[in-house]
C-alpha atoms as a PDB file:
ATOM      1  CA  MET A   1      -4.798   3.751   6.739  1.00  0.00           C
ATOM      2  CA  LEU A   2      -5.208   3.774   2.959  1.00  0.00           C
ATOM      3  CA  ILE A   3      -2.610   2.152   0.714  1.00  0.00           C
ATOM      4  CA  PHE A   4      -2.148   3.182  -2.918  1.00  0.00           C
ATOM      5  CA  ALA A   5       0.245   1.990  -5.601  1.00  0.00           C
ATOM      6  CA  ASP A   6       1.199   2.823  -9.151  1.00  0.00           C
ATOM      7  CA  SER A   7      -0.763   6.039  -9.630  1.00  0.00           C
ATOM      8  CA  HIS A   8       1.534   7.182 -12.460  1.00  0.00           C
ATOM      9  CA  GLY A   9       0.366  10.799 -12.291  1.00  0.00           C
ATOM     10  CA  ARG A  10      -3.314   9.915 -12.412  1.00  0.00           C
ATOM     11  CA  ASN A  11      -4.218  10.636  -8.814  1.00  0.00           C
ATOM     12  CA  ALA A  12      -7.922  11.554  -8.832  1.00  0.00           C
ATOM     13  CA  GLY A  13      -8.845   8.128  -7.399  1.00  0.00           C
ATOM     14  CA  MET A  14      -6.513   8.670  -4.443  1.00  0.00           C
ATOM     15  CA  PHE A  15      -8.025  12.048  -3.652  1.00  0.00           C
ATOM     16  CA  TYR A  16     -11.587  10.722  -3.910  1.00  0.00           C
ATOM     17  CA  ALA A  17     -10.706   7.841  -1.553  1.00  0.00           C
ATOM     18  CA  MET A  18      -9.026  10.197   0.931  1.00  0.00           C
ATOM     19  CA  GLU A  19     -12.089  12.477   0.976  1.00  0.00           C
ATOM     20  CA  ARG A  20     -14.547   9.583   1.235  1.00  0.00           C
ATOM     21  CA  GLU A  21     -12.724   7.632   3.964  1.00  0.00           C
ATOM     22  CA  GLN A  22     -10.860  10.322   5.942  1.00  0.00           C
ATOM     23  CA  PRO A  23      -8.032   7.971   7.033  1.00  0.00           C
ATOM     24  CA  ASP A  24      -5.510   8.765   9.760  1.00  0.00           C
ATOM     25  CA  CYS A  25      -2.669   8.304   7.262  1.00  0.00           C
ATOM     26  CA  ALA A  26      -1.896   7.042   3.758  1.00  0.00           C
ATOM     27  CA  VAL A  27       0.807   5.072   1.985  1.00  0.00           C
ATOM     28  CA  HIS A  28       2.035   5.425  -1.600  1.00  0.00           C
ATOM     29  CA  LEU A  29       3.987   2.395  -2.819  1.00  0.00           C
ATOM     30  CA  GLY A  30       5.777   4.101  -5.673  1.00  0.00           C
ATOM     31  CA  ASP A  31       5.656   4.841  -9.346  1.00  0.00           C
ATOM     32  CA  HIS A  32       5.003   8.511  -9.206  1.00  0.00           C
ATOM     33  CA  THR A  33       6.021   9.628  -5.728  1.00  0.00           C
ATOM     34  CA  GLU A  34       5.093  13.133  -6.899  1.00  0.00           C
ATOM     35  CA  ASP A  35       1.502  11.990  -6.324  1.00  0.00           C
ATOM     36  CA  ALA A  36       2.401  11.245  -2.699  1.00  0.00           C
ATOM     37  CA  ASP A  37       3.855  14.758  -2.499  1.00  0.00           C
ATOM     38  CA  GLU A  38       0.499  16.127  -3.717  1.00  0.00           C
ATOM     39  CA  LEU A  39      -1.304  14.113  -1.030  1.00  0.00           C
ATOM     40  CA  ASP A  40       1.143  15.548   1.501  1.00  0.00           C
ATOM     41  CA  ARG A  41       0.298  19.098   0.436  1.00  0.00           C
ATOM     42  CA  ALA A  42      -3.464  18.476   0.468  1.00  0.00           C
ATOM     43  CA  TYR A  43      -3.487  16.538   3.757  1.00  0.00           C
ATOM     44  CA  HIS A  44      -0.613  18.220   5.574  1.00  0.00           C
ATOM     45  CA  ASN A  45      -2.084  17.182   8.943  1.00  0.00           C
ATOM     46  CA  LYS A  46      -1.846  13.442   8.137  1.00  0.00           C
ATOM     47  CA  PRO A  47       1.270  11.293   7.678  1.00  0.00           C
ATOM     48  CA  ILE A  48       1.769  10.278   4.039  1.00  0.00           C
ATOM     49  CA  TYR A  49       4.341   7.476   3.812  1.00  0.00           C
ATOM     50  CA  ARG A  50       6.063   6.666   0.515  1.00  0.00           C
ATOM     51  CA  VAL A  51       8.613   4.403  -1.101  1.00  0.00           C
ATOM     52  CA  ARG A  52      10.301   4.779  -4.464  1.00  0.00           C
ATOM     53  CA  GLY A  53       9.248   2.758  -7.490  1.00  0.00           C
ATOM     54  CA  ASN A  54      11.184   1.754 -10.584  1.00  0.00           C
ATOM     55  CA  ASN A  55       9.828   4.830 -12.425  1.00  0.00           C
ATOM     56  CA  ASP A  56      10.626   7.337  -9.665  1.00  0.00           C
ATOM     57  CA  TYR A  57      13.808   8.836 -11.082  1.00  0.00           C
ATOM     58  CA  GLY A  58      15.358  11.438  -8.831  1.00  0.00           C
ATOM     59  CA  SER A  59      13.050  10.703  -5.901  1.00  0.00           C
ATOM     60  CA  ASP A  60      14.623  10.818  -2.456  1.00  0.00           C
ATOM     61  CA  ALA A  61      12.094   8.326  -1.075  1.00  0.00           C
ATOM     62  CA  PRO A  62      13.615   5.045   0.176  1.00  0.00           C
ATOM     63  CA  TYR A  63      13.178   1.801  -1.758  1.00  0.00           C
ATOM     64  CA  SER A  64      11.684   0.179   1.333  1.00  0.00           C
ATOM     65  CA  ALA A  65      10.595   1.298   4.774  1.00  0.00           C
ATOM     66  CA  VAL A  66       9.170  -0.028   8.019  1.00  0.00           C
ATOM     67  CA  ILE A  67       6.437   2.056   9.602  1.00  0.00           C
ATOM     68  CA  THR A  68       4.716   1.407  12.927  1.00  0.00           C
ATOM     69  CA  PRO A  69       1.300   3.078  13.088  1.00  0.00           C
ATOM     70  CA  GLU A  70      -0.174   2.332  16.514  1.00  0.00           C
ATOM     71  CA  ASN A  71       2.898   0.110  17.087  1.00  0.00           C
ATOM     72  CA  VAL A  72       1.931  -2.338  14.298  1.00  0.00           C
ATOM     73  CA  PRO A  73       5.084  -3.041  12.219  1.00  0.00           C
ATOM     74  CA  ILE A  74       4.449  -2.739   8.456  1.00  0.00           C
ATOM     75  CA  TYR A  75       6.949  -3.307   5.638  1.00  0.00           C
ATOM     76  CA  LEU A  76       6.567  -1.069   2.575  1.00  0.00           C
ATOM     77  CA  THR A  77       8.227  -1.513  -0.815  1.00  0.00           C
ATOM     78  CA  HIS A  78       7.481  -1.069  -4.482  1.00  0.00           C
ATOM     79  CA  GLY A  79       8.718  -4.615  -5.049  1.00  0.00           C
ATOM     80  CA  HIS A  80      10.994  -4.356  -8.059  1.00  0.00           C
ATOM     81  CA  LYS A  81      14.053  -4.797  -5.801  1.00  0.00           C
ATOM     82  CA  GLU A  82      12.402  -7.843  -4.146  1.00  0.00           C
ATOM     83  CA  ARG A  83      11.876  -9.722  -7.433  1.00  0.00           C
ATOM     84  CA  VAL A  84       8.084  -9.505  -7.537  1.00  0.00           C
ATOM     85  CA  SER A  85       6.395 -10.642 -10.735  1.00  0.00           C
ATOM     86  CA  MET A  86       2.864 -10.834 -12.089  1.00  0.00           C
ATOM     87  CA  TYR A  87       2.222 -14.038 -10.139  1.00  0.00           C
ATOM     88  CA  SER A  88       4.700 -13.884  -7.263  1.00  0.00           C
ATOM     89  CA  CYS A  89       5.403 -11.568  -4.363  1.00  0.00           C
ATOM     90  CA  GLY A  90       9.099 -12.474  -4.630  1.00  0.00           C
ATOM     91  CA  ILE A  91      11.037 -12.097  -1.399  1.00  0.00           C
ATOM     92  CA  VAL A  92       8.662  -9.502   0.111  1.00  0.00           C
ATOM     93  CA  PRO A  93       7.419 -11.901   2.843  1.00  0.00           C
ATOM     94  CA  GLN A  94      11.010 -12.777   3.790  1.00  0.00           C
ATOM     95  CA  LYS A  95      12.063  -9.103   3.967  1.00  0.00           C
ATOM     96  CA  ALA A  96       9.004  -8.282   6.078  1.00  0.00           C
ATOM     97  CA  ALA A  97       9.694 -11.149   8.477  1.00  0.00           C
ATOM     98  CA  GLU A  98      13.364 -10.139   8.754  1.00  0.00           C
ATOM     99  CA  ASN A  99      12.161  -6.693   9.829  1.00  0.00           C
ATOM    100  CA  GLY A 100       9.683  -8.082  12.383  1.00  0.00           C
ATOM    101  CA  CYS A 101       6.640  -7.003  10.359  1.00  0.00           C
ATOM    102  CA  VAL A 102       3.237  -8.675  10.393  1.00  0.00           C
ATOM    103  CA  PHE A 103       2.068  -6.827   7.250  1.00  0.00           C
ATOM    104  CA  ALA A 104       3.854  -6.134   3.976  1.00  0.00           C
ATOM    105  CA  PHE A 105       2.612  -3.959   1.123  1.00  0.00           C
ATOM    106  CA  TYR A 106       4.085  -3.744  -2.364  1.00  0.00           C
ATOM    107  CA  GLY A 107       3.111  -2.527  -5.838  1.00  0.00           C
ATOM    108  CA  HIS A 108       4.867  -2.733  -9.223  1.00  0.00           C
ATOM    109  CA  THR A 109       2.705  -5.395 -10.896  1.00  0.00           C
ATOM    110  CA  HIS A 110      -0.553  -3.381 -10.960  1.00  0.00           C
ATOM    111  CA  ARG A 111      -2.297  -6.606  -9.839  1.00  0.00           C
ATOM    112  CA  MET A 112      -4.076  -7.171  -6.521  1.00  0.00           C
ATOM    113  CA  LEU A 113      -2.835  -9.811  -4.124  1.00  0.00           C
ATOM    114  CA  LEU A 114      -3.745 -10.572  -0.525  1.00  0.00           C
ATOM    115  CA  GLU A 115      -2.224 -13.714   0.973  1.00  0.00           C
ATOM    116  CA  LYS A 116      -0.649 -14.886   4.203  1.00  0.00           C
ATOM    117  CA  TYR A 117       2.900 -16.237   4.007  1.00  0.00           C
ATOM    118  CA  GLY A 118       4.024 -17.712   7.306  1.00  0.00           C
ATOM    119  CA  GLY A 119       3.177 -15.057   9.843  1.00  0.00           C
ATOM    120  CA  VAL A 120       3.086 -12.158   7.352  1.00  0.00           C
ATOM    121  CA  TRP A 121       0.043 -10.804   5.540  1.00  0.00           C
ATOM    122  CA  VAL A 122       1.272  -9.665   2.116  1.00  0.00           C
ATOM    123  CA  CYS A 123      -0.829  -7.274   0.055  1.00  0.00           C
ATOM    124  CA  ASN A 124      -0.536  -5.626  -3.317  1.00  0.00           C
ATOM    125  CA  PRO A 125      -3.398  -3.116  -3.510  1.00  0.00           C
ATOM    126  CA  GLY A 126      -3.291  -3.173  -7.309  1.00  0.00           C
ATOM    127  CA  SER A 127      -3.073   0.105  -9.200  1.00  0.00           C
ATOM    128  CA  ILE A 128      -5.311   3.054  -8.387  1.00  0.00           C
ATOM    129  CA  SER A 129      -5.048   4.253 -12.016  1.00  0.00           C
ATOM    130  CA  LEU A 130      -3.670   1.612 -14.409  1.00  0.00           C
ATOM    131  CA  PRO A 131      -4.872  -1.833 -13.245  1.00  0.00           C
ATOM    132  CA  ARG A 132      -3.966  -5.126 -14.871  1.00  0.00           C
ATOM    133  CA  GLY A 133      -6.456  -7.964 -14.623  1.00  0.00           C
ATOM    134  CA  GLY A 134      -8.979  -6.189 -12.409  1.00  0.00           C
ATOM    135  CA  PRO A 135     -10.506  -2.853 -11.502  1.00  0.00           C
ATOM    136  CA  ALA A 136      -8.596   0.219 -10.317  1.00  0.00           C
ATOM    137  CA  SER A 137      -8.109  -0.485  -6.626  1.00  0.00           C
ATOM    138  CA  TYR A 138      -6.514   0.333  -3.294  1.00  0.00           C
ATOM    139  CA  ALA A 139      -6.286  -1.188   0.182  1.00  0.00           C
ATOM    140  CA  ARG A 140      -7.423  -0.146   3.649  1.00  0.00           C
ATOM    141  CA  LEU A 141      -5.798  -1.415   6.844  1.00  0.00           C
ATOM    142  CA  THR A 142      -7.865  -0.748   9.958  1.00  0.00           C
ATOM    143  CA  ILE A 143      -6.005  -0.626  13.265  1.00  0.00           C
ATOM    144  CA  GLU A 144      -7.743   0.151  16.552  1.00  0.00           C
ATOM    145  CA  ASN A 145      -5.986   0.497  19.903  1.00  0.00           C
ATOM    146  CA  GLY A 146      -2.807  -1.038  18.506  1.00  0.00           C
ATOM    147  CA  MET A 147      -4.579  -4.108  17.095  1.00  0.00           C
ATOM    148  CA  PRO A 148      -5.128  -4.865  13.393  1.00  0.00           C
ATOM    149  CA  ILE A 149      -8.869  -5.261  12.783  1.00  0.00           C
ATOM    150  CA  SER A 150      -9.161  -5.762   9.017  1.00  0.00           C
ATOM    151  CA  LEU A 151      -7.371  -5.542   5.681  1.00  0.00           C
ATOM    152  CA  THR A 152      -9.647  -4.694   2.787  1.00  0.00           C
ATOM    153  CA  LEU A 153      -9.194  -4.467  -0.985  1.00  0.00           C
ATOM    154  CA  LEU A 154     -11.494  -1.870  -2.527  1.00  0.00           C
ATOM    155  CA  GLU A 155     -12.425  -0.690  -5.989  1.00  0.00           C
ATOM    156  CA  GLU A 156     -11.556   2.896  -6.835  1.00  0.00           C
ATOM    157  CA  ASP A 157     -15.128   3.972  -5.941  1.00  0.00           C
ATOM    158  CA  GLY A 158     -14.938   2.250  -2.534  1.00  0.00           C
ATOM    159  CA  GLY A 159     -16.756  -0.948  -3.537  1.00  0.00           C
ATOM    160  CA  LEU A 160     -15.673  -4.042  -1.598  1.00  0.00           C
ATOM    161  CA  ILE A 161     -13.488  -6.583  -3.397  1.00  0.00           C
ATOM    162  CA  ARG A 162     -12.193  -8.649  -0.456  1.00  0.00           C
ATOM    163  CA  GLU A 163     -11.809  -8.311   3.285  1.00  0.00           C
ATOM    164  CA  GLU A 164      -9.764 -10.234   5.845  1.00  0.00           C
ATOM    165  CA  ARG A 165     -10.682  -9.746   9.489  1.00  0.00           C
ATOM    166  CA  PHE A 166      -8.291 -10.437  12.341  1.00  0.00           C
ATOM    167  CA  GLY A 167      -9.721 -11.883  15.533  1.00  0.00           C
ATOM    168  CA  HIS A 168      -8.176 -10.921  18.840  1.00  0.00           C
END
């Protein structure tokens, strides 16, 4: 699964990543859900999940969602409703835990974050097009046979930034 945020109409990086990695599905964490719609059209055979960002006027996407690929519960949000800031993930971990999720992904700040809060791994993949304080980036969550294997932050060209592996 690839996770993108804050594309703001500049979606070439998402398409390059989708072609390079051939994921089972993708997530768009808001601020230009029209880009998620374009992914949907191009990859109509793959689920493309999306949530609405603070700049997604008129979008019918929800502000948050829980998805369960391979029965792994994942909380998705843009974050502006959960009080995220440049240096805080706000109440995202709490909302994820309330929904029984072990992973939470948010955007909004255009800054990467990957930390564990209690029993929840919280990740901001950064911005695929307009990063702040780092390279253009996205995240990859690898799940095999219903078990999370790794969560990776990657540069727009696929270069490794950070990886967390989950032992089972």
